N, C-alpha and C. Protein backbone atom coordinates (compact mmCIF):
# COMPACT_ATOMS: atom_id res chain seq x y z
N MET A 1 7.13 118.98 -48.32
CA MET A 1 5.92 118.72 -47.56
C MET A 1 6.08 119.29 -46.15
N THR A 2 5.08 120.01 -45.73
CA THR A 2 5.05 120.56 -44.38
C THR A 2 4.38 119.54 -43.46
N VAL A 3 5.04 119.27 -42.35
CA VAL A 3 4.48 118.33 -41.37
C VAL A 3 4.56 118.95 -39.99
N GLU A 4 3.75 118.41 -39.08
CA GLU A 4 3.75 118.85 -37.70
C GLU A 4 3.82 117.65 -36.79
N LEU A 5 4.79 117.65 -35.90
CA LEU A 5 4.95 116.59 -34.92
C LEU A 5 4.29 117.04 -33.62
N ARG A 6 3.42 116.19 -33.07
CA ARG A 6 2.73 116.52 -31.81
C ARG A 6 2.69 115.31 -30.90
N GLU A 7 2.69 115.57 -29.61
CA GLU A 7 2.49 114.49 -28.65
C GLU A 7 1.03 114.08 -28.69
N ILE A 8 0.81 112.77 -28.65
CA ILE A 8 -0.54 112.24 -28.60
C ILE A 8 -0.87 111.95 -27.14
N LYS A 9 -1.76 112.74 -26.59
CA LYS A 9 -2.14 112.57 -25.18
C LYS A 9 -3.24 111.53 -25.02
N ASP A 10 -4.09 111.38 -26.05
CA ASP A 10 -5.20 110.44 -25.99
C ASP A 10 -5.39 109.83 -27.38
N LEU A 11 -4.93 108.62 -27.56
CA LEU A 11 -4.98 107.97 -28.86
C LEU A 11 -6.41 107.78 -29.36
N THR A 12 -7.36 107.70 -28.46
CA THR A 12 -8.75 107.49 -28.89
C THR A 12 -9.31 108.70 -29.64
N THR A 13 -8.63 109.83 -29.58
CA THR A 13 -9.08 111.03 -30.29
C THR A 13 -8.36 111.20 -31.63
N VAL A 14 -7.53 110.24 -32.01
CA VAL A 14 -6.73 110.33 -33.23
C VAL A 14 -7.18 109.25 -34.22
N ASP A 15 -7.34 109.63 -35.47
CA ASP A 15 -7.70 108.66 -36.50
C ASP A 15 -6.43 107.97 -37.00
N VAL A 16 -6.20 106.76 -36.50
CA VAL A 16 -5.03 105.97 -36.92
C VAL A 16 -5.41 104.89 -37.91
N SER A 17 -6.66 104.87 -38.35
CA SER A 17 -7.16 103.76 -39.17
C SER A 17 -6.38 103.58 -40.47
N LYS A 18 -6.03 104.65 -41.15
CA LYS A 18 -5.30 104.52 -42.42
C LYS A 18 -3.89 103.95 -42.19
N LEU A 19 -3.23 104.39 -41.12
CA LEU A 19 -1.91 103.84 -40.81
C LEU A 19 -2.01 102.37 -40.43
N VAL A 20 -3.03 102.00 -39.67
CA VAL A 20 -3.23 100.60 -39.28
C VAL A 20 -3.45 99.75 -40.53
N GLU A 21 -4.32 100.20 -41.41
CA GLU A 21 -4.59 99.45 -42.65
C GLU A 21 -3.33 99.30 -43.50
N GLU A 22 -2.61 100.38 -43.66
CA GLU A 22 -1.39 100.35 -44.46
C GLU A 22 -0.34 99.42 -43.86
N SER A 23 -0.17 99.50 -42.55
CA SER A 23 0.83 98.66 -41.90
C SER A 23 0.46 97.18 -42.00
N GLU A 24 -0.81 96.87 -41.86
CA GLU A 24 -1.25 95.48 -41.99
C GLU A 24 -1.05 94.97 -43.42
N ALA A 25 -1.28 95.82 -44.42
CA ALA A 25 -1.05 95.43 -45.81
C ALA A 25 0.42 95.10 -46.05
N GLU A 26 1.31 95.72 -45.27
CA GLU A 26 2.75 95.44 -45.36
C GLU A 26 3.15 94.23 -44.50
N GLY A 27 2.21 93.68 -43.77
CA GLY A 27 2.50 92.53 -42.93
C GLY A 27 2.85 92.86 -41.49
N TYR A 28 2.66 94.11 -41.09
CA TYR A 28 2.96 94.52 -39.72
C TYR A 28 1.66 94.60 -38.93
N ARG A 29 1.66 94.00 -37.75
CA ARG A 29 0.47 94.01 -36.92
C ARG A 29 0.63 94.88 -35.67
N PHE A 30 1.76 95.54 -35.54
CA PHE A 30 2.01 96.26 -34.29
C PHE A 30 1.17 97.52 -34.11
N LEU A 31 0.69 98.12 -35.19
CA LEU A 31 -0.20 99.28 -35.00
C LEU A 31 -1.59 98.85 -34.57
N LYS A 32 -2.02 97.70 -35.04
CA LYS A 32 -3.29 97.15 -34.55
C LYS A 32 -3.17 96.85 -33.06
N ARG A 33 -2.01 96.32 -32.64
CA ARG A 33 -1.78 96.08 -31.21
C ARG A 33 -1.73 97.39 -30.43
N LEU A 34 -1.15 98.43 -31.04
CA LEU A 34 -1.13 99.74 -30.39
C LEU A 34 -2.54 100.17 -30.03
N VAL A 35 -3.44 100.09 -31.00
CA VAL A 35 -4.83 100.51 -30.77
C VAL A 35 -5.51 99.62 -29.74
N SER A 36 -5.40 98.31 -29.88
CA SER A 36 -6.09 97.41 -28.94
C SER A 36 -5.53 97.52 -27.53
N GLN A 37 -4.22 97.65 -27.38
CA GLN A 37 -3.64 97.79 -26.05
C GLN A 37 -3.97 99.14 -25.43
N TYR A 38 -4.07 100.16 -26.25
CA TYR A 38 -4.48 101.47 -25.72
C TYR A 38 -5.93 101.40 -25.24
N GLU A 39 -6.78 100.79 -26.06
CA GLU A 39 -8.20 100.70 -25.69
C GLU A 39 -8.43 99.85 -24.45
N ASP A 40 -7.66 98.75 -24.29
CA ASP A 40 -7.88 97.90 -23.10
C ASP A 40 -7.05 98.35 -21.89
N GLY A 41 -6.24 99.39 -22.08
CA GLY A 41 -5.50 99.98 -20.97
C GLY A 41 -4.17 99.33 -20.65
N THR A 42 -3.75 98.32 -21.42
CA THR A 42 -2.48 97.65 -21.10
C THR A 42 -1.26 98.47 -21.49
N ASN A 43 -1.42 99.41 -22.44
CA ASN A 43 -0.31 100.30 -22.79
C ASN A 43 -0.88 101.62 -23.29
N THR A 44 -0.87 102.60 -22.41
CA THR A 44 -1.37 103.93 -22.76
C THR A 44 -0.26 104.99 -22.71
N PHE A 45 0.98 104.55 -22.64
CA PHE A 45 2.13 105.46 -22.67
C PHE A 45 2.00 106.52 -21.57
N ASN A 46 1.61 106.10 -20.38
CA ASN A 46 1.36 107.06 -19.31
C ASN A 46 2.26 106.89 -18.08
N LYS A 47 3.23 106.00 -18.16
CA LYS A 47 4.16 105.86 -17.04
C LYS A 47 5.24 106.93 -17.16
N ILE A 48 5.96 107.16 -16.09
CA ILE A 48 7.00 108.18 -16.10
C ILE A 48 8.00 107.90 -17.22
N GLY A 49 8.24 108.91 -18.03
CA GLY A 49 9.19 108.81 -19.14
C GLY A 49 8.58 108.34 -20.44
N GLU A 50 7.36 107.84 -20.40
CA GLU A 50 6.74 107.31 -21.62
C GLU A 50 6.08 108.43 -22.42
N VAL A 51 6.02 108.23 -23.73
CA VAL A 51 5.44 109.25 -24.61
C VAL A 51 5.01 108.59 -25.92
N LEU A 52 4.01 109.18 -26.55
CA LEU A 52 3.56 108.75 -27.87
C LEU A 52 3.44 110.00 -28.74
N TYR A 53 4.05 109.96 -29.93
CA TYR A 53 4.03 111.10 -30.85
C TYR A 53 3.39 110.69 -32.17
N GLY A 54 2.82 111.68 -32.83
CA GLY A 54 2.32 111.51 -34.18
C GLY A 54 2.85 112.63 -35.05
N VAL A 55 2.88 112.38 -36.35
CA VAL A 55 3.26 113.41 -37.32
C VAL A 55 2.11 113.53 -38.31
N TRP A 56 1.65 114.76 -38.51
CA TRP A 56 0.55 115.04 -39.41
C TRP A 56 1.04 115.85 -40.60
N ASP A 57 0.48 115.56 -41.77
CA ASP A 57 0.82 116.35 -42.95
C ASP A 57 -0.02 117.63 -42.98
N ASP A 58 0.15 118.43 -44.03
CA ASP A 58 -0.55 119.72 -44.11
C ASP A 58 -2.06 119.58 -44.33
N LYS A 59 -2.52 118.36 -44.59
CA LYS A 59 -3.96 118.10 -44.72
C LYS A 59 -4.53 117.46 -43.46
N GLU A 60 -3.71 117.46 -42.39
CA GLU A 60 -4.10 116.89 -41.09
C GLU A 60 -4.28 115.38 -41.13
N HIS A 61 -3.56 114.71 -42.04
CA HIS A 61 -3.56 113.25 -42.06
C HIS A 61 -2.36 112.76 -41.24
N LEU A 62 -2.60 111.79 -40.39
CA LEU A 62 -1.53 111.19 -39.61
C LEU A 62 -0.65 110.37 -40.56
N VAL A 63 0.65 110.70 -40.63
CA VAL A 63 1.54 110.02 -41.56
C VAL A 63 2.65 109.23 -40.86
N ALA A 64 2.76 109.41 -39.55
CA ALA A 64 3.78 108.67 -38.80
C ALA A 64 3.39 108.65 -37.33
N ILE A 65 3.88 107.60 -36.65
CA ILE A 65 3.57 107.46 -35.22
C ILE A 65 4.72 106.70 -34.57
N GLY A 66 4.95 106.96 -33.31
CA GLY A 66 5.96 106.22 -32.58
C GLY A 66 5.96 106.63 -31.12
N GLY A 67 6.35 105.69 -30.29
CA GLY A 67 6.33 105.96 -28.86
C GLY A 67 7.51 105.36 -28.12
N LEU A 68 7.53 105.66 -26.85
CA LEU A 68 8.59 105.20 -25.96
C LEU A 68 7.96 104.70 -24.68
N ASN A 69 8.29 103.46 -24.33
CA ASN A 69 7.83 102.86 -23.07
C ASN A 69 9.02 102.50 -22.21
N ARG A 70 8.75 102.30 -20.94
CA ARG A 70 9.74 101.64 -20.09
C ARG A 70 9.85 100.22 -20.63
N ASP A 71 11.05 99.70 -20.76
CA ASP A 71 11.24 98.38 -21.36
C ASP A 71 10.78 97.30 -20.40
N PRO A 72 9.70 96.59 -20.74
CA PRO A 72 9.18 95.56 -19.84
C PRO A 72 10.04 94.30 -19.80
N TYR A 73 10.99 94.17 -20.73
CA TYR A 73 11.81 92.97 -20.80
C TYR A 73 13.16 93.13 -20.10
N SER A 74 13.54 94.34 -19.80
CA SER A 74 14.86 94.59 -19.23
C SER A 74 14.89 94.28 -17.74
N THR A 75 15.99 93.68 -17.31
CA THR A 75 16.19 93.42 -15.88
C THR A 75 16.94 94.55 -15.21
N LYS A 76 17.44 95.49 -16.02
CA LYS A 76 18.13 96.66 -15.45
C LYS A 76 17.26 97.89 -15.60
N GLY A 77 17.44 98.84 -14.72
CA GLY A 77 16.64 100.06 -14.77
C GLY A 77 17.15 101.02 -15.84
N GLY A 78 16.35 102.01 -16.16
CA GLY A 78 16.79 103.06 -17.06
C GLY A 78 16.76 102.70 -18.53
N VAL A 79 16.01 101.65 -18.89
CA VAL A 79 15.95 101.25 -20.29
C VAL A 79 14.56 101.58 -20.85
N GLY A 80 14.55 102.33 -21.93
CA GLY A 80 13.32 102.64 -22.64
C GLY A 80 13.24 101.77 -23.88
N ARG A 81 12.03 101.53 -24.34
CA ARG A 81 11.82 100.71 -25.55
C ARG A 81 11.05 101.53 -26.57
N LEU A 82 11.62 101.68 -27.75
CA LEU A 82 10.93 102.32 -28.86
C LEU A 82 9.80 101.41 -29.29
N ARG A 83 8.58 101.96 -29.37
CA ARG A 83 7.41 101.12 -29.65
C ARG A 83 6.56 101.72 -30.75
N ARG A 84 5.96 100.82 -31.52
CA ARG A 84 4.92 101.17 -32.49
C ARG A 84 5.36 102.28 -33.44
N PHE A 85 6.60 102.19 -33.90
CA PHE A 85 7.20 103.20 -34.77
C PHE A 85 6.87 102.85 -36.22
N TYR A 86 6.12 103.72 -36.88
CA TYR A 86 5.70 103.45 -38.25
C TYR A 86 5.59 104.75 -39.03
N ILE A 87 6.13 104.72 -40.24
CA ILE A 87 6.08 105.86 -41.16
C ILE A 87 5.30 105.41 -42.40
N SER A 88 4.31 106.19 -42.82
CA SER A 88 3.52 105.86 -43.99
C SER A 88 4.43 105.75 -45.22
N GLN A 89 4.13 104.78 -46.06
CA GLN A 89 4.95 104.51 -47.24
C GLN A 89 5.16 105.76 -48.10
N HIS A 90 4.12 106.55 -48.29
CA HIS A 90 4.23 107.67 -49.22
C HIS A 90 5.06 108.84 -48.70
N VAL A 91 5.49 108.79 -47.44
CA VAL A 91 6.35 109.86 -46.92
C VAL A 91 7.71 109.35 -46.45
N ARG A 92 8.00 108.10 -46.71
CA ARG A 92 9.30 107.56 -46.30
C ARG A 92 10.41 108.21 -47.12
N ARG A 93 11.58 108.24 -46.51
CA ARG A 93 12.79 108.78 -47.12
C ARG A 93 12.69 110.29 -47.36
N GLN A 94 11.89 110.95 -46.53
CA GLN A 94 11.77 112.41 -46.59
C GLN A 94 12.20 113.06 -45.28
N GLY A 95 12.80 112.28 -44.37
CA GLY A 95 13.29 112.82 -43.11
C GLY A 95 12.29 112.79 -41.97
N ILE A 96 11.08 112.34 -42.24
CA ILE A 96 10.04 112.33 -41.20
C ILE A 96 10.36 111.31 -40.12
N GLY A 97 10.82 110.13 -40.52
CA GLY A 97 11.19 109.11 -39.53
C GLY A 97 12.32 109.57 -38.64
N THR A 98 13.32 110.20 -39.24
CA THR A 98 14.45 110.70 -38.45
C THR A 98 14.00 111.80 -37.50
N MET A 99 13.15 112.70 -37.98
CA MET A 99 12.62 113.76 -37.13
C MET A 99 11.87 113.17 -35.93
N LEU A 100 11.01 112.19 -36.19
CA LEU A 100 10.23 111.55 -35.14
C LEU A 100 11.14 110.82 -34.16
N LEU A 101 12.09 110.06 -34.69
CA LEU A 101 13.02 109.32 -33.83
C LEU A 101 13.82 110.27 -32.95
N LYS A 102 14.31 111.37 -33.50
CA LYS A 102 15.09 112.34 -32.71
C LYS A 102 14.25 112.94 -31.59
N GLU A 103 12.98 113.23 -31.87
CA GLU A 103 12.11 113.78 -30.83
C GLU A 103 11.90 112.76 -29.70
N ILE A 104 11.69 111.51 -30.07
CA ILE A 104 11.51 110.45 -29.07
C ILE A 104 12.78 110.29 -28.24
N ILE A 105 13.92 110.28 -28.90
CA ILE A 105 15.20 110.14 -28.19
C ILE A 105 15.44 111.33 -27.27
N ASN A 106 15.19 112.54 -27.75
CA ASN A 106 15.37 113.72 -26.90
C ASN A 106 14.46 113.66 -25.67
N HIS A 107 13.24 113.20 -25.85
CA HIS A 107 12.35 113.03 -24.70
C HIS A 107 12.92 111.98 -23.74
N GLY A 108 13.43 110.91 -24.29
CA GLY A 108 13.96 109.83 -23.47
C GLY A 108 15.18 110.19 -22.66
N ARG A 109 15.95 111.17 -23.12
CA ARG A 109 17.18 111.57 -22.41
C ARG A 109 16.93 111.93 -20.95
N GLY A 110 15.81 112.50 -20.66
CA GLY A 110 15.53 112.89 -19.28
C GLY A 110 15.05 111.75 -18.41
N HIS A 111 14.86 110.57 -19.01
CA HIS A 111 14.25 109.47 -18.27
C HIS A 111 14.99 108.15 -18.35
N PHE A 112 15.79 107.96 -19.41
CA PHE A 112 16.42 106.67 -19.66
C PHE A 112 17.91 106.84 -20.00
N SER A 113 18.68 105.81 -19.72
CA SER A 113 20.09 105.82 -20.11
C SER A 113 20.31 105.07 -21.43
N GLU A 114 19.29 104.33 -21.84
CA GLU A 114 19.41 103.52 -23.05
C GLU A 114 18.02 103.33 -23.65
N ILE A 115 17.97 103.25 -24.98
CA ILE A 115 16.74 102.92 -25.68
C ILE A 115 17.01 101.70 -26.54
N VAL A 116 16.09 100.74 -26.49
CA VAL A 116 16.21 99.53 -27.29
C VAL A 116 14.99 99.41 -28.21
N VAL A 117 15.15 98.59 -29.24
CA VAL A 117 14.06 98.33 -30.18
C VAL A 117 14.28 96.94 -30.76
N ARG A 118 13.20 96.33 -31.17
CA ARG A 118 13.29 95.03 -31.84
C ARG A 118 12.67 95.16 -33.23
N THR A 119 13.41 94.72 -34.23
CA THR A 119 12.90 94.73 -35.60
C THR A 119 13.45 93.53 -36.36
N ASP A 120 12.71 93.09 -37.36
CA ASP A 120 13.21 92.04 -38.25
C ASP A 120 13.26 92.54 -39.69
N SER A 121 13.13 93.85 -39.86
CA SER A 121 13.14 94.46 -41.18
C SER A 121 14.54 94.97 -41.53
N ALA A 122 15.01 94.63 -42.71
CA ALA A 122 16.33 95.10 -43.16
C ALA A 122 16.34 96.62 -43.32
N ASN A 123 15.24 97.19 -43.80
CA ASN A 123 15.17 98.65 -43.94
C ASN A 123 15.20 99.34 -42.58
N ALA A 124 14.48 98.78 -41.61
CA ALA A 124 14.49 99.35 -40.26
C ALA A 124 15.87 99.21 -39.63
N ASP A 125 16.52 98.07 -39.85
CA ASP A 125 17.88 97.87 -39.35
C ASP A 125 18.79 98.97 -39.87
N ALA A 126 18.75 99.24 -41.16
CA ALA A 126 19.60 100.28 -41.76
C ALA A 126 19.25 101.66 -41.18
N PHE A 127 17.96 101.92 -40.99
CA PHE A 127 17.51 103.19 -40.44
C PHE A 127 18.04 103.38 -39.01
N TYR A 128 17.89 102.38 -38.17
CA TYR A 128 18.34 102.52 -36.79
C TYR A 128 19.86 102.64 -36.71
N ARG A 129 20.58 101.88 -37.51
CA ARG A 129 22.05 102.00 -37.53
C ARG A 129 22.47 103.39 -37.98
N ALA A 130 21.81 103.93 -38.99
CA ALA A 130 22.14 105.27 -39.49
C ALA A 130 21.86 106.35 -38.44
N ASN A 131 21.01 106.03 -37.48
CA ASN A 131 20.67 106.98 -36.42
C ASN A 131 21.37 106.66 -35.10
N GLY A 132 22.48 105.93 -35.18
CA GLY A 132 23.33 105.75 -34.01
C GLY A 132 23.09 104.51 -33.17
N PHE A 133 22.14 103.67 -33.54
CA PHE A 133 21.86 102.46 -32.77
C PHE A 133 22.90 101.39 -33.09
N SER A 134 23.27 100.63 -32.08
CA SER A 134 24.11 99.44 -32.26
C SER A 134 23.19 98.26 -32.50
N ALA A 135 23.67 97.31 -33.29
CA ALA A 135 22.83 96.15 -33.61
C ALA A 135 23.50 94.88 -33.14
N ASP A 136 22.83 93.76 -33.40
CA ASP A 136 23.35 92.44 -33.05
C ASP A 136 23.66 92.33 -31.56
N LEU A 137 22.66 92.59 -30.75
CA LEU A 137 22.84 92.60 -29.30
C LEU A 137 22.89 91.20 -28.71
N GLY A 138 22.41 90.22 -29.47
CA GLY A 138 22.37 88.87 -28.94
C GLY A 138 21.26 88.66 -27.93
N LEU A 139 20.26 89.52 -27.96
CA LEU A 139 19.14 89.41 -27.04
C LEU A 139 17.88 89.03 -27.83
N PRO A 140 17.05 88.16 -27.29
CA PRO A 140 15.84 87.78 -28.03
C PRO A 140 14.80 88.90 -28.10
N GLU A 141 14.82 89.81 -27.14
CA GLU A 141 13.78 90.83 -27.08
C GLU A 141 14.20 92.19 -27.63
N ALA A 142 15.44 92.34 -28.07
CA ALA A 142 15.91 93.61 -28.62
C ALA A 142 17.00 93.36 -29.66
N THR A 143 16.89 94.03 -30.79
CA THR A 143 17.88 93.88 -31.85
C THR A 143 18.82 95.07 -31.95
N HIS A 144 18.41 96.23 -31.42
CA HIS A 144 19.19 97.45 -31.53
C HIS A 144 19.14 98.22 -30.21
N SER A 145 20.20 98.94 -29.94
CA SER A 145 20.30 99.69 -28.70
C SER A 145 21.01 101.02 -28.94
N LEU A 146 20.60 102.02 -28.21
CA LEU A 146 21.23 103.33 -28.27
C LEU A 146 21.47 103.81 -26.84
N ARG A 147 22.72 104.03 -26.51
CA ARG A 147 23.06 104.60 -25.20
C ARG A 147 22.89 106.11 -25.32
N LEU A 148 22.14 106.68 -24.41
CA LEU A 148 21.78 108.09 -24.54
C LEU A 148 22.86 109.05 -24.07
N ASN A 149 23.81 108.60 -23.32
CA ASN A 149 24.81 109.52 -22.81
C ASN A 149 25.80 109.99 -23.86
N ASP A 150 26.04 109.18 -24.94
CA ASP A 150 27.02 109.64 -25.91
C ASP A 150 26.73 109.24 -27.35
N ALA A 151 26.12 108.12 -27.58
CA ALA A 151 25.98 107.59 -28.94
C ALA A 151 25.15 108.49 -29.85
N TYR A 152 24.04 108.99 -29.35
CA TYR A 152 23.16 109.76 -30.21
C TYR A 152 23.78 111.09 -30.58
N SER A 153 24.45 111.74 -29.63
CA SER A 153 25.05 113.03 -29.96
C SER A 153 26.12 112.87 -31.03
N LYS A 154 26.85 111.75 -31.04
CA LYS A 154 27.83 111.52 -32.09
C LYS A 154 27.16 111.27 -33.44
N ALA A 155 26.06 110.51 -33.43
CA ALA A 155 25.37 110.21 -34.69
C ALA A 155 24.71 111.47 -35.27
N ALA A 156 24.32 112.38 -34.41
CA ALA A 156 23.61 113.57 -34.87
C ALA A 156 24.56 114.64 -35.42
N GLU A 157 25.84 114.52 -35.14
CA GLU A 157 26.81 115.53 -35.60
C GLU A 157 27.00 115.51 -37.09
């Protein structure tokens, strides 16, 4: 499958409805929050270092989405938070999630020393660990962390 990864500059111009419906059917509400927070202006991925990406298939259907924010929960500077990361069921395990995550991490290198994420999914836990994230941080607001200065380059080798 041919896919194209692009930065989303304005989420209101992107049809995310199928991904939102699919994610809700799986019990995830974070894509619905992505849309509502974007529309009300509380999170538009527009602060320094922040970014939102989408992946489209060859029929121009959005099949994956994910972004990076400054971590609002961290008391230390230089921490980014992986946000609203979702891969459509029918394209999982085809490398699209890894491609999207690597692009987000590469973008984050110029802005953050660490990226954190929170998940309660066993599949997501395995995915993040396989991509160099450390787990079991003992923090209520983050379950996984990746130090950008060395951890990711080792995982990518």
